[in-house]
Amino acid sequence: VVWTCTASNMQNTNAWEGSTMTFDLVSDESGTTMNFTHAHYKESPCYDACSDGWKHSLGTSLKSFLETGKGFPYPET
């Protein structure tokens, strides 16, 4: 699955505009692995916050949701 961001206002920047988010699902012996890439992201002051947000959303919340049925939505920032 590939998403392309066509408009952005992430922390009052256009950092995401034109970027792509790729979710690549790969079957393996233990089930399925998801590889995630956020490409063409523009340099901006919100890079660290966005990187931490993806780690939380995919690595903590989505993982927990898939394993237990309960995710952990990221608080508003």
Protein backbone atom coordinates (compact mmCIF):
# COMPACT_ATOMS: atom_id res chain seq x y z
CA VAL A 1 0.00 0.00 0.00
CA VAL A 2 1.39 3.43 -0.92
CA TRP A 3 -0.02 6.75 0.26
CA THR A 4 1.02 10.03 -1.33
CA CYS A 5 0.51 13.21 0.67
CA THR A 6 -0.96 15.94 -1.53
CA ALA A 7 -1.40 18.63 1.16
CA SER A 8 0.18 19.15 4.54
CA ASN A 9 0.16 21.49 7.50
CA MET A 10 2.30 19.49 9.92
CA GLN A 11 3.27 21.99 12.62
CA ASN A 12 2.72 24.83 10.13
CA THR A 13 5.09 23.38 7.52
CA ASN A 14 4.54 21.61 4.21
CA ALA A 15 7.05 18.91 5.22
CA TRP A 16 4.79 15.99 4.26
CA GLU A 17 3.60 17.45 0.95
CA GLY A 18 4.77 15.20 -1.89
CA SER A 19 6.03 12.53 0.48
CA THR A 20 5.03 8.89 0.22
CA MET A 21 4.27 6.38 2.95
CA THR A 22 4.77 2.75 1.91
CA PHE A 23 3.42 -0.20 3.88
CA ASP A 24 4.98 -3.39 2.48
CA LEU A 25 3.55 -6.64 3.89
CA VAL A 26 5.86 -9.65 3.68
CA SER A 27 4.84 -13.20 4.60
CA ASP A 28 7.42 -15.06 6.66
CA GLU A 29 7.67 -18.16 8.84
CA SER A 30 6.30 -16.35 11.90
CA GLY A 31 3.38 -14.68 10.08
CA THR A 32 3.56 -11.31 8.40
CA THR A 33 6.12 -8.53 8.69
CA MET A 34 5.25 -4.96 7.79
CA ASN A 35 8.04 -2.77 6.42
CA PHE A 36 7.25 0.94 6.55
CA THR A 37 8.97 3.76 4.68
CA HIS A 38 8.17 7.48 4.73
CA ALA A 39 10.10 8.84 1.72
CA HIS A 40 10.63 12.28 0.19
CA TYR A 41 10.02 13.93 3.55
CA LYS A 42 11.22 17.54 3.52
CA GLU A 43 13.68 18.79 6.12
CA SER A 44 11.66 20.52 8.83
CA PRO A 45 11.58 21.26 12.56
CA CYS A 46 8.93 18.58 13.08
CA TYR A 47 11.02 15.65 11.75
CA ASP A 48 11.74 14.18 15.21
CA ALA A 49 8.11 14.51 16.34
CA CYS A 50 6.89 12.81 13.15
CA SER A 51 9.48 10.04 13.43
CA ASP A 52 8.49 9.40 17.06
CA GLY A 53 4.82 9.49 16.03
CA TRP A 54 5.29 6.77 13.39
CA LYS A 55 7.26 4.63 15.89
CA HIS A 56 4.41 4.93 18.37
CA SER A 57 1.57 4.51 15.86
CA LEU A 58 3.03 1.49 14.08
CA GLY A 59 5.49 -0.04 16.55
CA THR A 60 3.41 0.31 19.71
CA SER A 61 -0.25 1.06 19.03
CA LEU A 62 -0.90 -0.94 15.82
CA LYS A 63 1.21 -3.86 17.06
CA SER A 64 -0.77 -3.98 20.32
CA PHE A 65 -4.08 -3.65 18.45
CA LEU A 66 -3.25 -6.58 16.16
CA GLU A 67 -2.04 -8.75 19.05
CA THR A 68 -4.62 -7.87 21.73
CA GLY A 69 -7.44 -5.90 20.10
CA LYS A 70 -6.46 -2.75 22.05
CA GLY A 71 -4.30 0.03 20.60
CA PHE A 72 -2.89 3.16 22.18
CA PRO A 73 -3.90 6.26 20.22
CA TYR A 74 -1.27 8.98 20.27
CA PRO A 75 -2.27 11.96 22.39
CA GLU A 76 -2.89 15.25 20.61
CA THR A 77 0.29 17.32 20.35
